Amino acid sequence: MGLGMLGVILPLLPTTPLLLLALFFFVKGSARFEAWFKETNIYKKHLEGFVRDKSMTLKQKMSINLFADVMIAIPFFIMDNLWIRLLLLGVVGYKYYYFFTKIKTVTR
């Protein structure tokens, strides 16, 4: 969790994956927290269908991807290094490739 929090300040440290990993281990260690988290609107709106049957609606995919794009755009415009910008563009490209080819799209 500490590394994830450092990622908020340091542009090259991936904040979201590290915080999600910390959340994963915390949820696995606390049945009470897991029950609470599964009742939140964020879980129900974005993750419940994916956890249940490994699928998402197009709207869910787009909202997650657009939010991630905004977060990736911040270091993209702050950094002057060409290689970092190319790496960030690669991350965006792979993210869209993965969401639209590896995760099944359903209509609900």
N, C-alpha and C. Protein backbone atom coordinates (compact mmCIF):
# COMPACT_ATOMS: atom_id res chain seq x y z
N MET A 1 0.83 -1.18 0.00
CA MET A 1 0.00 0.00 0.00
C MET A 1 0.88 1.26 0.00
N GLY A 2 1.99 1.18 0.71
CA GLY A 2 2.90 2.30 0.76
C GLY A 2 3.47 2.64 -0.61
N LEU A 3 3.83 1.61 -1.39
CA LEU A 3 4.34 1.84 -2.74
C LEU A 3 3.26 2.48 -3.62
N GLY A 4 2.03 2.04 -3.46
CA GLY A 4 0.93 2.63 -4.22
C GLY A 4 0.73 4.09 -3.88
N MET A 5 0.88 4.43 -2.60
CA MET A 5 0.74 5.82 -2.19
C MET A 5 1.91 6.67 -2.71
N LEU A 6 3.09 6.08 -2.76
CA LEU A 6 4.23 6.80 -3.36
C LEU A 6 4.00 7.06 -4.84
N GLY A 7 3.29 6.15 -5.49
CA GLY A 7 3.00 6.30 -6.91
C GLY A 7 2.14 7.52 -7.22
N VAL A 8 1.42 8.03 -6.22
CA VAL A 8 0.64 9.25 -6.43
C VAL A 8 1.60 10.41 -6.69
N ILE A 9 2.76 10.39 -6.05
CA ILE A 9 3.73 11.47 -6.16
C ILE A 9 4.72 11.22 -7.29
N LEU A 10 5.19 9.98 -7.39
CA LEU A 10 6.20 9.63 -8.41
C LEU A 10 5.52 9.16 -9.68
N PRO A 11 5.76 9.83 -10.80
CA PRO A 11 5.01 9.53 -12.02
C PRO A 11 5.30 8.16 -12.64
N LEU A 12 6.42 7.54 -12.35
CA LEU A 12 6.73 6.26 -13.00
C LEU A 12 6.27 5.04 -12.19
N LEU A 13 5.88 5.25 -10.95
CA LEU A 13 5.44 4.14 -10.10
C LEU A 13 3.94 3.93 -10.31
N PRO A 14 3.51 2.73 -10.69
CA PRO A 14 2.09 2.50 -11.02
C PRO A 14 1.22 2.49 -9.76
N THR A 15 0.47 3.54 -9.55
CA THR A 15 -0.36 3.69 -8.35
C THR A 15 -1.50 2.68 -8.31
N THR A 16 -2.33 2.69 -9.33
CA THR A 16 -3.56 1.90 -9.30
C THR A 16 -3.30 0.40 -9.16
N PRO A 17 -2.41 -0.22 -9.93
CA PRO A 17 -2.20 -1.66 -9.76
C PRO A 17 -1.69 -2.02 -8.36
N LEU A 18 -0.83 -1.19 -7.80
CA LEU A 18 -0.31 -1.49 -6.46
C LEU A 18 -1.38 -1.34 -5.39
N LEU A 19 -2.23 -0.33 -5.52
CA LEU A 19 -3.32 -0.17 -4.56
C LEU A 19 -4.36 -1.28 -4.71
N LEU A 20 -4.63 -1.69 -5.95
CA LEU A 20 -5.56 -2.81 -6.16
C LEU A 20 -4.99 -4.11 -5.60
N LEU A 21 -3.69 -4.30 -5.74
CA LEU A 21 -3.06 -5.48 -5.17
C LEU A 21 -3.15 -5.47 -3.64
N ALA A 22 -2.91 -4.32 -3.03
CA ALA A 22 -3.04 -4.19 -1.58
C ALA A 22 -4.49 -4.46 -1.16
N LEU A 23 -5.45 -3.92 -1.92
CA LEU A 23 -6.86 -4.14 -1.62
C LEU A 23 -7.20 -5.62 -1.74
N PHE A 24 -6.68 -6.29 -2.76
CA PHE A 24 -6.93 -7.72 -2.95
C PHE A 24 -6.49 -8.51 -1.72
N PHE A 25 -5.27 -8.25 -1.25
CA PHE A 25 -4.77 -9.00 -0.09
C PHE A 25 -5.51 -8.62 1.18
N PHE A 26 -5.91 -7.36 1.30
CA PHE A 26 -6.66 -6.94 2.48
C PHE A 26 -8.03 -7.61 2.50
N VAL A 27 -8.68 -7.66 1.35
CA VAL A 27 -10.00 -8.30 1.25
C VAL A 27 -9.90 -9.78 1.59
N LYS A 28 -8.86 -10.44 1.09
CA LYS A 28 -8.69 -11.87 1.36
C LYS A 28 -8.43 -12.13 2.85
N GLY A 29 -7.90 -11.15 3.56
CA GLY A 29 -7.59 -11.33 4.97
C GLY A 29 -8.72 -10.94 5.90
N SER A 30 -9.79 -10.31 5.38
CA SER A 30 -10.87 -9.84 6.23
C SER A 30 -12.22 -10.11 5.57
N ALA A 31 -12.95 -11.07 6.11
CA ALA A 31 -14.27 -11.41 5.55
C ALA A 31 -15.23 -10.24 5.73
N ARG A 32 -15.11 -9.50 6.81
CA ARG A 32 -15.99 -8.36 7.06
C ARG A 32 -15.76 -7.26 6.01
N PHE A 33 -14.49 -6.98 5.73
CA PHE A 33 -14.18 -5.96 4.71
C PHE A 33 -14.63 -6.42 3.34
N GLU A 34 -14.45 -7.70 3.03
CA GLU A 34 -14.88 -8.23 1.73
C GLU A 34 -16.39 -8.06 1.56
N ALA A 35 -17.15 -8.37 2.61
CA ALA A 35 -18.61 -8.22 2.54
C ALA A 35 -18.99 -6.76 2.34
N TRP A 36 -18.30 -5.85 3.04
CA TRP A 36 -18.59 -4.43 2.89
C TRP A 36 -18.26 -3.96 1.48
N PHE A 37 -17.08 -4.34 0.99
CA PHE A 37 -16.64 -3.89 -0.33
C PHE A 37 -17.59 -4.38 -1.43
N LYS A 38 -18.09 -5.59 -1.32
CA LYS A 38 -19.00 -6.13 -2.33
C LYS A 38 -20.36 -5.45 -2.32
N GLU A 39 -20.65 -4.68 -1.29
CA GLU A 39 -21.91 -3.93 -1.22
C GLU A 39 -21.77 -2.49 -1.73
N THR A 40 -20.54 -2.06 -2.03
CA THR A 40 -20.35 -0.68 -2.50
C THR A 40 -20.82 -0.53 -3.95
N ASN A 41 -21.19 0.69 -4.30
CA ASN A 41 -21.65 0.97 -5.67
C ASN A 41 -20.54 0.77 -6.69
N ILE A 42 -19.30 1.09 -6.33
CA ILE A 42 -18.18 0.91 -7.27
C ILE A 42 -18.04 -0.55 -7.65
N TYR A 43 -18.10 -1.43 -6.67
CA TYR A 43 -17.99 -2.87 -6.95
C TYR A 43 -19.16 -3.33 -7.81
N LYS A 44 -20.36 -2.96 -7.41
CA LYS A 44 -21.54 -3.42 -8.15
C LYS A 44 -21.58 -2.87 -9.57
N LYS A 45 -21.15 -1.63 -9.73
CA LYS A 45 -21.24 -0.99 -11.04
C LYS A 45 -20.15 -1.47 -12.01
N HIS A 46 -18.93 -1.67 -11.50
CA HIS A 46 -17.81 -1.93 -12.40
C HIS A 46 -17.22 -3.33 -12.31
N LEU A 47 -17.34 -4.01 -11.19
CA LEU A 47 -16.60 -5.25 -11.01
C LEU A 47 -17.45 -6.51 -10.84
N GLU A 48 -18.66 -6.39 -10.39
CA GLU A 48 -19.45 -7.56 -10.05
C GLU A 48 -19.62 -8.52 -11.24
N GLY A 49 -20.01 -8.00 -12.39
CA GLY A 49 -20.18 -8.84 -13.58
C GLY A 49 -18.87 -9.45 -14.04
N PHE A 50 -17.80 -8.68 -13.95
CA PHE A 50 -16.50 -9.20 -14.36
C PHE A 50 -16.04 -10.33 -13.45
N VAL A 51 -16.23 -10.17 -12.15
CA VAL A 51 -15.83 -11.21 -11.21
C VAL A 51 -16.69 -12.45 -11.41
N ARG A 52 -17.97 -12.26 -11.66
CA ARG A 52 -18.90 -13.38 -11.80
C ARG A 52 -18.68 -14.17 -13.08
N ASP A 53 -18.63 -13.50 -14.23
CA ASP A 53 -18.55 -14.26 -15.49
C ASP A 53 -17.50 -13.72 -16.46
N LYS A 54 -16.53 -12.97 -15.96
CA LYS A 54 -15.40 -12.47 -16.78
C LYS A 54 -15.87 -11.70 -18.01
N SER A 55 -16.90 -10.86 -17.82
CA SER A 55 -17.39 -10.04 -18.92
C SER A 55 -17.77 -8.66 -18.39
N MET A 56 -17.85 -7.69 -19.32
CA MET A 56 -18.22 -6.32 -18.99
C MET A 56 -19.09 -5.77 -20.11
N THR A 57 -19.87 -4.77 -19.77
CA THR A 57 -20.63 -4.07 -20.81
C THR A 57 -19.70 -3.07 -21.49
N LEU A 58 -20.09 -2.63 -22.66
CA LEU A 58 -19.30 -1.65 -23.39
C LEU A 58 -19.17 -0.36 -22.58
N LYS A 59 -20.24 0.03 -21.91
CA LYS A 59 -20.21 1.25 -21.09
C LYS A 59 -19.20 1.11 -19.95
N GLN A 60 -19.15 -0.04 -19.30
CA GLN A 60 -18.19 -0.27 -18.22
C GLN A 60 -16.76 -0.19 -18.76
N LYS A 61 -16.53 -0.84 -19.89
CA LYS A 61 -15.19 -0.82 -20.49
C LYS A 61 -14.76 0.60 -20.83
N MET A 62 -15.66 1.35 -21.43
CA MET A 62 -15.31 2.71 -21.84
C MET A 62 -15.08 3.61 -20.64
N SER A 63 -15.90 3.51 -19.61
CA SER A 63 -15.72 4.39 -18.45
C SER A 63 -14.41 4.08 -17.74
N ILE A 64 -14.07 2.82 -17.59
CA ILE A 64 -12.80 2.46 -16.95
C ILE A 64 -11.62 2.92 -17.80
N ASN A 65 -11.70 2.68 -19.10
CA ASN A 65 -10.60 3.07 -19.99
C ASN A 65 -10.43 4.59 -20.07
N LEU A 66 -11.52 5.33 -20.14
CA LEU A 66 -11.40 6.78 -20.22
C LEU A 66 -10.84 7.37 -18.93
N PHE A 67 -11.26 6.83 -17.79
CA PHE A 67 -10.70 7.30 -16.52
C PHE A 67 -9.20 7.01 -16.47
N ALA A 68 -8.80 5.81 -16.89
CA ALA A 68 -7.38 5.46 -16.91
C ALA A 68 -6.62 6.35 -17.89
N ASP A 69 -7.24 6.69 -19.02
CA ASP A 69 -6.58 7.57 -20.00
C ASP A 69 -6.30 8.94 -19.41
N VAL A 70 -7.24 9.47 -18.65
CA VAL A 70 -7.02 10.77 -18.01
C VAL A 70 -5.85 10.68 -17.03
N MET A 71 -5.78 9.60 -16.26
CA MET A 71 -4.69 9.43 -15.30
C MET A 71 -3.35 9.25 -16.01
N ILE A 72 -3.34 8.59 -17.15
CA ILE A 72 -2.10 8.39 -17.91
C ILE A 72 -1.70 9.68 -18.63
N ALA A 73 -2.68 10.50 -18.99
CA ALA A 73 -2.38 11.76 -19.69
C ALA A 73 -1.61 12.74 -18.81
N ILE A 74 -1.82 12.68 -17.52
CA ILE A 74 -1.14 13.62 -16.62
C ILE A 74 0.38 13.46 -16.71
N PRO A 75 0.94 12.26 -16.47
CA PRO A 75 2.40 12.16 -16.62
C PRO A 75 2.85 12.31 -18.07
N PHE A 76 1.98 11.96 -19.03
CA PHE A 76 2.35 12.11 -20.44
C PHE A 76 2.69 13.57 -20.75
N PHE A 77 1.87 14.49 -20.26
CA PHE A 77 2.10 15.91 -20.55
C PHE A 77 3.13 16.54 -19.62
N ILE A 78 3.33 15.97 -18.44
CA ILE A 78 4.31 16.51 -17.50
C ILE A 78 5.73 16.13 -17.90
N MET A 79 5.92 14.90 -18.35
CA MET A 79 7.26 14.39 -18.66
C MET A 79 7.74 14.88 -20.02
N ASP A 80 9.03 15.18 -20.09
CA ASP A 80 9.63 15.61 -21.36
C ASP A 80 10.33 14.46 -22.09
N ASN A 81 10.52 13.35 -21.42
CA ASN A 81 11.26 12.23 -21.97
C ASN A 81 10.44 11.51 -23.05
N LEU A 82 10.99 11.40 -24.23
CA LEU A 82 10.30 10.75 -25.35
C LEU A 82 10.02 9.28 -25.05
N TRP A 83 10.97 8.59 -24.43
CA TRP A 83 10.81 7.15 -24.16
C TRP A 83 9.69 6.90 -23.17
N ILE A 84 9.55 7.75 -22.19
CA ILE A 84 8.46 7.60 -21.23
C ILE A 84 7.12 7.85 -21.91
N ARG A 85 7.08 8.85 -22.77
CA ARG A 85 5.84 9.11 -23.51
C ARG A 85 5.47 7.94 -24.42
N LEU A 86 6.45 7.37 -25.08
CA LEU A 86 6.18 6.19 -25.92
C LEU A 86 5.72 5.00 -25.08
N LEU A 87 6.32 4.83 -23.92
CA LEU A 87 5.90 3.75 -23.01
C LEU A 87 4.46 3.96 -22.57
N LEU A 88 4.10 5.19 -22.22
CA LEU A 88 2.72 5.48 -21.81
C LEU A 88 1.74 5.25 -22.95
N LEU A 89 2.11 5.62 -24.17
CA LEU A 89 1.26 5.33 -25.32
C LEU A 89 1.11 3.83 -25.54
N GLY A 90 2.19 3.08 -25.31
CA GLY A 90 2.12 1.63 -25.39
C GLY A 90 1.19 1.04 -24.35
N VAL A 91 1.23 1.59 -23.16
CA VAL A 91 0.32 1.13 -22.09
C VAL A 91 -1.12 1.39 -22.49
N VAL A 92 -1.40 2.56 -23.02
CA VAL A 92 -2.77 2.88 -23.46
C VAL A 92 -3.21 1.93 -24.57
N GLY A 93 -2.34 1.71 -25.54
CA GLY A 93 -2.68 0.80 -26.63
C GLY A 93 -2.94 -0.62 -26.15
N TYR A 94 -2.07 -1.12 -25.27
CA TYR A 94 -2.26 -2.48 -24.76
C TYR A 94 -3.52 -2.57 -23.91
N LYS A 95 -3.81 -1.53 -23.16
CA LYS A 95 -5.01 -1.50 -22.32
C LYS A 95 -6.26 -1.66 -23.18
N TYR A 96 -6.33 -0.90 -24.26
CA TYR A 96 -7.50 -1.03 -25.16
C TYR A 96 -7.52 -2.39 -25.86
N TYR A 97 -6.37 -2.86 -26.29
CA TYR A 97 -6.30 -4.19 -26.90
C TYR A 97 -6.84 -5.24 -25.94
N TYR A 98 -6.37 -5.20 -24.69
CA TYR A 98 -6.78 -6.21 -23.72
C TYR A 98 -8.27 -6.13 -23.42
N PHE A 99 -8.77 -4.93 -23.17
CA PHE A 99 -10.18 -4.77 -22.80
C PHE A 99 -11.11 -5.21 -23.92
N PHE A 100 -10.72 -4.95 -25.17
CA PHE A 100 -11.65 -5.23 -26.26
C PHE A 100 -11.41 -6.55 -26.97
N THR A 101 -10.32 -7.25 -26.67
CA THR A 101 -10.12 -8.56 -27.28
C THR A 101 -10.12 -9.69 -26.26
N LYS A 102 -9.75 -9.44 -25.04
CA LYS A 102 -9.63 -10.50 -24.04
C LYS A 102 -10.81 -10.57 -23.07
N ILE A 103 -11.53 -9.45 -22.90
CA ILE A 103 -12.67 -9.43 -21.99
C ILE A 103 -13.95 -9.41 -22.83
N LYS A 104 -14.80 -10.36 -22.59
CA LYS A 104 -16.04 -10.51 -23.36
C LYS A 104 -16.96 -9.31 -23.12
N THR A 105 -17.56 -8.79 -24.18
CA THR A 105 -18.51 -7.68 -24.08
C THR A 105 -19.92 -8.24 -24.10
N VAL A 106 -20.72 -7.85 -23.11
CA VAL A 106 -22.10 -8.31 -23.00
C VAL A 106 -23.03 -7.11 -22.99
N THR A 107 -24.30 -7.36 -23.31
CA THR A 107 -25.33 -6.34 -23.17
C THR A 107 -26.23 -6.73 -22.00
N ARG A 108 -26.51 -5.77 -21.16
CA ARG A 108 -27.35 -6.06 -19.98
C ARG A 108 -28.49 -5.10 -19.91
